[in-house]
Amino acid sequence: MDVFFVRHGQTDGNIAQRYQHPDTRLNEVGKAQAEAIAGKIATLEPTHIITSTQLRAVETTRIITGSLPVIPETHADFEELRRPLTLVGARYLGLTTLWYVVRWFFDWPHDQGETYPDFLKRIKSAQAYLETLPADARVVVVSHSVFTNIFVEHLCLDRRLTFFEAVKGFWRILTLRNTAIIHLQYAKVGEGLCGWSVLKR
């Protein structure tokens, strides 16, 4: 099975480098990015298209699948990390965000939002769902930078990331382009083995 993770198109929040509300829409550049990538998605001949329920991912999916004979499926497991709504508008690299990330990573108490263990549990649920699809499926998943990168980091890893692995992952999160495609493959293997591999990142 081939799985292609696609980051949603650009939003004003991406440009401002600020956390955004789940209902944030694509800006005009984001719509153009989705239109530009639509042809590439068509050449992949997807059999399944899965999207995060958040609006920027849904809008991206509508554009890239406009002429495809596949009905997209919205799936909450593929949503972005669920952060406290008090973070909406905070800068990615601001002190408020950095303090939140430290508390989140080390499971220190914080208000609302999804804990690291809860997020990892949801990622593993999304991974398990993909593994139920046919072996010859070609799956496009429209999601978000944090979800996609942490998903890839945990493909064959059930434990939490080390501090240094997390720093590397944080850099990848910050540098993943809108509508970038990450190509994964999955093949069913024996118990205790990992059937996932990253072909293009």
C-alpha atoms as a PDB file:
ATOM      1  CA  MET A   1       0.000   0.000   0.000  1.00  0.00           C
ATOM      2  CA  ASP A   2       1.210   3.487  -0.883  1.00  0.00           C
ATOM      3  CA  VAL A   3       0.261   6.372   1.405  1.00  0.00           C
ATOM      4  CA  PHE A   4       0.830   9.986   0.386  1.00  0.00           C
ATOM      5  CA  PHE A   5       0.559  12.571   3.163  1.00  0.00           C
ATOM      6  CA  VAL A   6      -0.192  16.060   1.821  1.00  0.00           C
ATOM      7  CA  ARG A   7       0.024  19.147   3.983  1.00  0.00           C
ATOM      8  CA  HIS A   8      -2.915  21.534   3.499  1.00  0.00           C
ATOM      9  CA  GLY A   9      -2.543  24.739   1.495  1.00  0.00           C
ATOM     10  CA  GLN A  10      -1.346  28.018   2.934  1.00  0.00           C
ATOM     11  CA  THR A  11      -3.364  30.091   5.410  1.00  0.00           C
ATOM     12  CA  ASP A  12      -2.844  33.581   6.784  1.00  0.00           C
ATOM     13  CA  GLY A  13      -1.867  31.931  10.075  1.00  0.00           C
ATOM     14  CA  ASN A  14       0.953  30.085   8.305  1.00  0.00           C
ATOM     15  CA  ILE A  15       2.246  33.361   6.873  1.00  0.00           C
ATOM     16  CA  ALA A  16       2.112  35.076  10.270  1.00  0.00           C
ATOM     17  CA  GLN A  17       3.632  31.977  11.928  1.00  0.00           C
ATOM     18  CA  ARG A  18       0.881  31.908  14.508  1.00  0.00           C
ATOM     19  CA  TYR A  19      -1.293  29.094  15.819  1.00  0.00           C
ATOM     20  CA  GLN A  20      -4.706  29.118  14.227  1.00  0.00           C
ATOM     21  CA  HIS A  21      -8.265  28.113  14.930  1.00  0.00           C
ATOM     22  CA  PRO A  22      -9.548  24.783  13.524  1.00  0.00           C
ATOM     23  CA  ASP A  23     -11.925  26.771  11.287  1.00  0.00           C
ATOM     24  CA  THR A  24      -9.165  28.803   9.624  1.00  0.00           C
ATOM     25  CA  ARG A  25      -9.627  28.931   5.846  1.00  0.00           C
ATOM     26  CA  LEU A  26      -7.088  28.796   3.027  1.00  0.00           C
ATOM     27  CA  ASN A  27      -5.912  32.132   1.685  1.00  0.00           C
ATOM     28  CA  GLU A  28      -5.692  32.811  -2.072  1.00  0.00           C
ATOM     29  CA  VAL A  29      -2.137  31.451  -2.248  1.00  0.00           C
ATOM     30  CA  GLY A  30      -3.272  28.298  -0.453  1.00  0.00           C
ATOM     31  CA  LYS A  31      -6.074  27.770  -2.963  1.00  0.00           C
ATOM     32  CA  ALA A  32      -3.613  28.246  -5.837  1.00  0.00           C
ATOM     33  CA  GLN A  33      -1.206  25.754  -4.201  1.00  0.00           C
ATOM     34  CA  ALA A  34      -3.971  23.168  -3.953  1.00  0.00           C
ATOM     35  CA  GLU A  35      -4.922  23.721  -7.600  1.00  0.00           C
ATOM     36  CA  ALA A  36      -1.263  23.371  -8.615  1.00  0.00           C
ATOM     37  CA  ILE A  37      -0.851  20.073  -6.757  1.00  0.00           C
ATOM     38  CA  ALA A  38      -4.158  18.642  -8.006  1.00  0.00           C
ATOM     39  CA  GLY A  39      -2.579  17.392 -11.230  1.00  0.00           C
ATOM     40  CA  LYS A  40       0.174  15.609  -9.316  1.00  0.00           C
ATOM     41  CA  ILE A  41      -2.416  13.957  -7.057  1.00  0.00           C
ATOM     42  CA  ALA A  42      -4.364  12.809 -10.125  1.00  0.00           C
ATOM     43  CA  THR A  43      -1.266  11.050 -11.510  1.00  0.00           C
ATOM     44  CA  LEU A  44      -1.032   9.068  -8.268  1.00  0.00           C
ATOM     45  CA  GLU A  45      -4.420   7.519  -9.132  1.00  0.00           C
ATOM     46  CA  PRO A  46      -5.600   7.413  -5.504  1.00  0.00           C
ATOM     47  CA  THR A  47      -8.087   4.761  -4.468  1.00  0.00           C
ATOM     48  CA  HIS A  48      -8.765   6.407  -1.097  1.00  0.00           C
ATOM     49  CA  ILE A  49      -8.633  10.039   0.037  1.00  0.00           C
ATOM     50  CA  ILE A  50      -8.723  10.827   3.744  1.00  0.00           C
ATOM     51  CA  THR A  51      -8.780  14.320   5.205  1.00  0.00           C
ATOM     52  CA  SER A  52      -8.552  15.908   8.599  1.00  0.00           C
ATOM     53  CA  THR A  53     -11.861  17.443   9.655  1.00  0.00           C
ATOM     54  CA  GLN A  54     -10.277  20.876  10.101  1.00  0.00           C
ATOM     55  CA  LEU A  55     -11.415  23.423   7.537  1.00  0.00           C
ATOM     56  CA  ARG A  56      -8.068  24.220   5.885  1.00  0.00           C
ATOM     57  CA  ALA A  57      -7.538  20.500   5.170  1.00  0.00           C
ATOM     58  CA  VAL A  58     -11.117  20.012   3.948  1.00  0.00           C
ATOM     59  CA  GLU A  59     -10.823  23.002   1.581  1.00  0.00           C
ATOM     60  CA  THR A  60      -7.522  21.659   0.228  1.00  0.00           C
ATOM     61  CA  THR A  61      -9.119  18.257  -0.325  1.00  0.00           C
ATOM     62  CA  ARG A  62     -12.092  19.738  -2.179  1.00  0.00           C
ATOM     63  CA  ILE A  63      -9.747  21.458  -4.613  1.00  0.00           C
ATOM     64  CA  ILE A  64      -7.314  18.595  -5.251  1.00  0.00           C
ATOM     65  CA  THR A  65     -10.094  16.019  -5.688  1.00  0.00           C
ATOM     66  CA  GLY A  66     -12.423  18.149  -7.783  1.00  0.00           C
ATOM     67  CA  SER A  67     -12.179  15.960 -10.912  1.00  0.00           C
ATOM     68  CA  LEU A  68     -11.276  12.647  -9.253  1.00  0.00           C
ATOM     69  CA  PRO A  69     -13.782   9.767  -9.082  1.00  0.00           C
ATOM     70  CA  VAL A  70     -13.036   9.181  -5.387  1.00  0.00           C
ATOM     71  CA  ILE A  71     -15.243  10.351  -2.518  1.00  0.00           C
ATOM     72  CA  PRO A  72     -13.048  11.880   0.237  1.00  0.00           C
ATOM     73  CA  GLU A  73     -13.485  10.633   3.777  1.00  0.00           C
ATOM     74  CA  THR A  74     -13.140  13.005   6.735  1.00  0.00           C
ATOM     75  CA  HIS A  75     -11.521  11.346   9.723  1.00  0.00           C
ATOM     76  CA  ALA A  76     -10.928  12.960  13.123  1.00  0.00           C
ATOM     77  CA  ASP A  77      -7.883  10.785  13.869  1.00  0.00           C
ATOM     78  CA  PHE A  78      -5.929  12.746  11.225  1.00  0.00           C
ATOM     79  CA  GLU A  79      -6.554  16.184  12.762  1.00  0.00           C
ATOM     80  CA  GLU A  80      -3.754  18.468  13.890  1.00  0.00           C
ATOM     81  CA  LEU A  81      -2.501  18.273  17.485  1.00  0.00           C
ATOM     82  CA  ARG A  82      -5.390  19.555  19.601  1.00  0.00           C
ATOM     83  CA  ARG A  83      -3.939  22.512  21.475  1.00  0.00           C
ATOM     84  CA  PRO A  84      -5.581  24.773  24.063  1.00  0.00           C
ATOM     85  CA  LEU A  85      -7.654  27.441  22.310  1.00  0.00           C
ATOM     86  CA  THR A  86      -5.770  30.017  24.405  1.00  0.00           C
ATOM     87  CA  LEU A  87      -2.801  29.386  22.052  1.00  0.00           C
ATOM     88  CA  VAL A  88      -4.711  30.683  19.000  1.00  0.00           C
ATOM     89  CA  GLY A  89      -2.780  33.714  17.753  1.00  0.00           C
ATOM     90  CA  ALA A  90       0.430  32.828  19.635  1.00  0.00           C
ATOM     91  CA  ARG A  91       3.641  32.910  17.602  1.00  0.00           C
ATOM     92  CA  TYR A  92       5.257  29.571  16.726  1.00  0.00           C
ATOM     93  CA  LEU A  93       8.551  30.621  18.297  1.00  0.00           C
ATOM     94  CA  GLY A  94       7.188  32.893  21.037  1.00  0.00           C
ATOM     95  CA  LEU A  95       7.785  32.322  24.747  1.00  0.00           C
ATOM     96  CA  THR A  96       4.151  31.276  25.297  1.00  0.00           C
ATOM     97  CA  THR A  97       4.497  28.554  22.668  1.00  0.00           C
ATOM     98  CA  LEU A  98       7.904  27.343  23.832  1.00  0.00           C
ATOM     99  CA  TRP A  99       6.656  27.047  27.413  1.00  0.00           C
ATOM    100  CA  TYR A 100       3.602  25.127  26.183  1.00  0.00           C
ATOM    101  CA  VAL A 101       5.766  22.750  24.085  1.00  0.00           C
ATOM    102  CA  VAL A 102       8.074  22.014  27.035  1.00  0.00           C
ATOM    103  CA  ARG A 103       5.118  21.253  29.318  1.00  0.00           C
ATOM    104  CA  TRP A 104       3.466  19.184  26.597  1.00  0.00           C
ATOM    105  CA  PHE A 105       6.588  17.128  25.871  1.00  0.00           C
ATOM    106  CA  PHE A 106       7.314  16.350  29.515  1.00  0.00           C
ATOM    107  CA  ASP A 107       3.640  15.798  30.445  1.00  0.00           C
ATOM    108  CA  TRP A 108       3.640  18.632  32.939  1.00  0.00           C
ATOM    109  CA  PRO A 109       0.130  19.781  33.862  1.00  0.00           C
ATOM    110  CA  HIS A 110      -1.465  22.261  31.454  1.00  0.00           C
ATOM    111  CA  ASP A 111      -4.991  23.398  30.760  1.00  0.00           C
ATOM    112  CA  GLN A 112      -7.028  21.827  27.967  1.00  0.00           C
ATOM    113  CA  GLY A 113      -5.538  20.473  24.791  1.00  0.00           C
ATOM    114  CA  GLU A 114      -4.221  17.001  24.007  1.00  0.00           C
ATOM    115  CA  THR A 115      -1.397  15.426  26.018  1.00  0.00           C
ATOM    116  CA  TYR A 116       1.557  13.743  24.311  1.00  0.00           C
ATOM    117  CA  PRO A 117       0.312  10.242  25.339  1.00  0.00           C
ATOM    118  CA  ASP A 118      -3.182  11.074  24.029  1.00  0.00           C
ATOM    119  CA  PHE A 119      -1.748  12.388  20.759  1.00  0.00           C
ATOM    120  CA  LEU A 120       0.412   9.287  20.344  1.00  0.00           C
ATOM    121  CA  LYS A 121      -2.617   7.078  21.008  1.00  0.00           C
ATOM    122  CA  ARG A 122      -4.542   8.918  18.261  1.00  0.00           C
ATOM    123  CA  ILE A 123      -1.613   8.613  15.847  1.00  0.00           C
ATOM    124  CA  LYS A 124      -1.473   4.865  16.446  1.00  0.00           C
ATOM    125  CA  SER A 125      -5.238   4.683  15.878  1.00  0.00           C
ATOM    126  CA  ALA A 126      -4.810   6.487  12.529  1.00  0.00           C
ATOM    127  CA  GLN A 127      -1.956   4.146  11.613  1.00  0.00           C
ATOM    128  CA  ALA A 128      -4.039   1.087  12.511  1.00  0.00           C
ATOM    129  CA  TYR A 129      -6.893   2.403  10.367  1.00  0.00           C
ATOM    130  CA  LEU A 130      -4.615   2.771   7.349  1.00  0.00           C
ATOM    131  CA  GLU A 131      -3.361  -0.772   7.879  1.00  0.00           C
ATOM    132  CA  THR A 132      -6.922  -2.086   7.387  1.00  0.00           C
ATOM    133  CA  LEU A 133      -7.074  -0.764   3.810  1.00  0.00           C
ATOM    134  CA  PRO A 134      -6.409  -3.091   0.836  1.00  0.00           C
ATOM    135  CA  ALA A 135      -2.790  -4.043   0.156  1.00  0.00           C
ATOM    136  CA  ASP A 136      -2.934  -2.434  -3.309  1.00  0.00           C
ATOM    137  CA  ALA A 137      -4.542   0.813  -2.084  1.00  0.00           C
ATOM    138  CA  ARG A 138      -3.085   4.186  -3.025  1.00  0.00           C
ATOM    139  CA  VAL A 139      -4.111   6.515  -0.223  1.00  0.00           C
ATOM    140  CA  VAL A 140      -3.876  10.304  -0.115  1.00  0.00           C
ATOM    141  CA  VAL A 141      -4.105  11.814   3.374  1.00  0.00           C
ATOM    142  CA  VAL A 142      -4.565  15.589   3.655  1.00  0.00           C
ATOM    143  CA  SER A 143      -3.430  16.679   7.096  1.00  0.00           C
ATOM    144  CA  HIS A 144      -1.189  19.098   8.993  1.00  0.00           C
ATOM    145  CA  SER A 145       2.496  19.632   9.670  1.00  0.00           C
ATOM    146  CA  VAL A 146       2.625  18.556  13.322  1.00  0.00           C
ATOM    147  CA  PHE A 147       0.402  15.522  12.806  1.00  0.00           C
ATOM    148  CA  THR A 148       2.200  14.375   9.653  1.00  0.00           C
ATOM    149  CA  ASN A 149       5.712  14.719  11.029  1.00  0.00           C
ATOM    150  CA  ILE A 150       4.956  13.108  14.391  1.00  0.00           C
ATOM    151  CA  PHE A 151       3.088  10.324  12.568  1.00  0.00           C
ATOM    152  CA  VAL A 152       6.184   9.620  10.451  1.00  0.00           C
ATOM    153  CA  GLU A 153       8.509   9.748  13.471  1.00  0.00           C
ATOM    154  CA  HIS A 154       6.350   7.133  15.222  1.00  0.00           C
ATOM    155  CA  LEU A 155       5.772   4.792  12.263  1.00  0.00           C
ATOM    156  CA  CYS A 156       7.875   2.023  13.813  1.00  0.00           C
ATOM    157  CA  LEU A 157       8.229   3.563  17.261  1.00  0.00           C
ATOM    158  CA  ASP A 158       5.805   3.001  20.141  1.00  0.00           C
ATOM    159  CA  ARG A 159       7.776   4.923  22.758  1.00  0.00           C
ATOM    160  CA  ARG A 160       7.871   8.694  23.114  1.00  0.00           C
ATOM    161  CA  LEU A 161      10.595  10.620  21.289  1.00  0.00           C
ATOM    162  CA  THR A 162      13.830  11.455  23.053  1.00  0.00           C
ATOM    163  CA  PHE A 163      14.656  15.127  23.515  1.00  0.00           C
ATOM    164  CA  PHE A 164      17.077  15.105  20.557  1.00  0.00           C
ATOM    165  CA  GLU A 165      14.612  13.244  18.323  1.00  0.00           C
ATOM    166  CA  ALA A 166      11.991  15.834  19.281  1.00  0.00           C
ATOM    167  CA  VAL A 167      14.300  18.737  18.373  1.00  0.00           C
ATOM    168  CA  LYS A 168      14.903  17.195  14.934  1.00  0.00           C
ATOM    169  CA  GLY A 169      11.172  16.623  14.544  1.00  0.00           C
ATOM    170  CA  PHE A 170      10.389  20.202  15.591  1.00  0.00           C
ATOM    171  CA  TRP A 171      12.654  21.492  12.817  1.00  0.00           C
ATOM    172  CA  ARG A 172      10.881  19.293  10.264  1.00  0.00           C
ATOM    173  CA  ILE A 173       7.527  20.592  11.500  1.00  0.00           C
ATOM    174  CA  LEU A 174       8.620  24.195  10.977  1.00  0.00           C
ATOM    175  CA  THR A 175      10.035  23.556   7.495  1.00  0.00           C
ATOM    176  CA  LEU A 176       7.355  21.343   5.895  1.00  0.00           C
ATOM    177  CA  ARG A 177       5.994  23.321   2.950  1.00  0.00           C
ATOM    178  CA  ASN A 178       2.277  23.764   2.336  1.00  0.00           C
ATOM    179  CA  THR A 179       1.039  21.030  -0.067  1.00  0.00           C
ATOM    180  CA  ALA A 180       4.329  19.114   0.303  1.00  0.00           C
ATOM    181  CA  ILE A 181       3.931  15.357  -0.236  1.00  0.00           C
ATOM    182  CA  ILE A 182       5.478  12.636   1.938  1.00  0.00           C
ATOM    183  CA  HIS A 183       5.385   9.160   0.388  1.00  0.00           C
ATOM    184  CA  LEU A 184       5.094   6.153   2.714  1.00  0.00           C
ATOM    185  CA  GLN A 185       4.664   2.458   1.996  1.00  0.00           C
ATOM    186  CA  TYR A 186       3.099  -0.282   4.081  1.00  0.00           C
ATOM    187  CA  ALA A 187       3.276  -4.054   3.650  1.00  0.00           C
ATOM    188  CA  LYS A 188       1.894  -6.545   6.116  1.00  0.00           C
ATOM    189  CA  VAL A 189       4.709  -8.387   7.889  1.00  0.00           C
ATOM    190  CA  GLY A 190       5.131 -10.845  10.713  1.00  0.00           C
ATOM    191  CA  GLU A 191       4.134 -10.087  14.290  1.00  0.00           C
ATOM    192  CA  GLY A 192       6.562  -7.788  16.067  1.00  0.00           C
ATOM    193  CA  LEU A 193       7.946  -6.360  12.806  1.00  0.00           C
ATOM    194  CA  CYS A 194       7.254  -2.957  11.256  1.00  0.00           C
ATOM    195  CA  GLY A 195       5.872  -2.952   7.730  1.00  0.00           C
ATOM    196  CA  TRP A 196       6.153   0.814   7.221  1.00  0.00           C
ATOM    197  CA  SER A 197       8.863   2.660   5.286  1.00  0.00           C
ATOM    198  CA  VAL A 198       9.438   6.247   4.144  1.00  0.00           C
ATOM    199  CA  LEU A 199      10.131   6.526   0.411  1.00  0.00           C
ATOM    200  CA  LYS A 200      10.189  10.316   0.033  1.00  0.00           C
ATOM    201  CA  ARG A 201      10.217  12.998   2.662  1.00  0.00           C
END
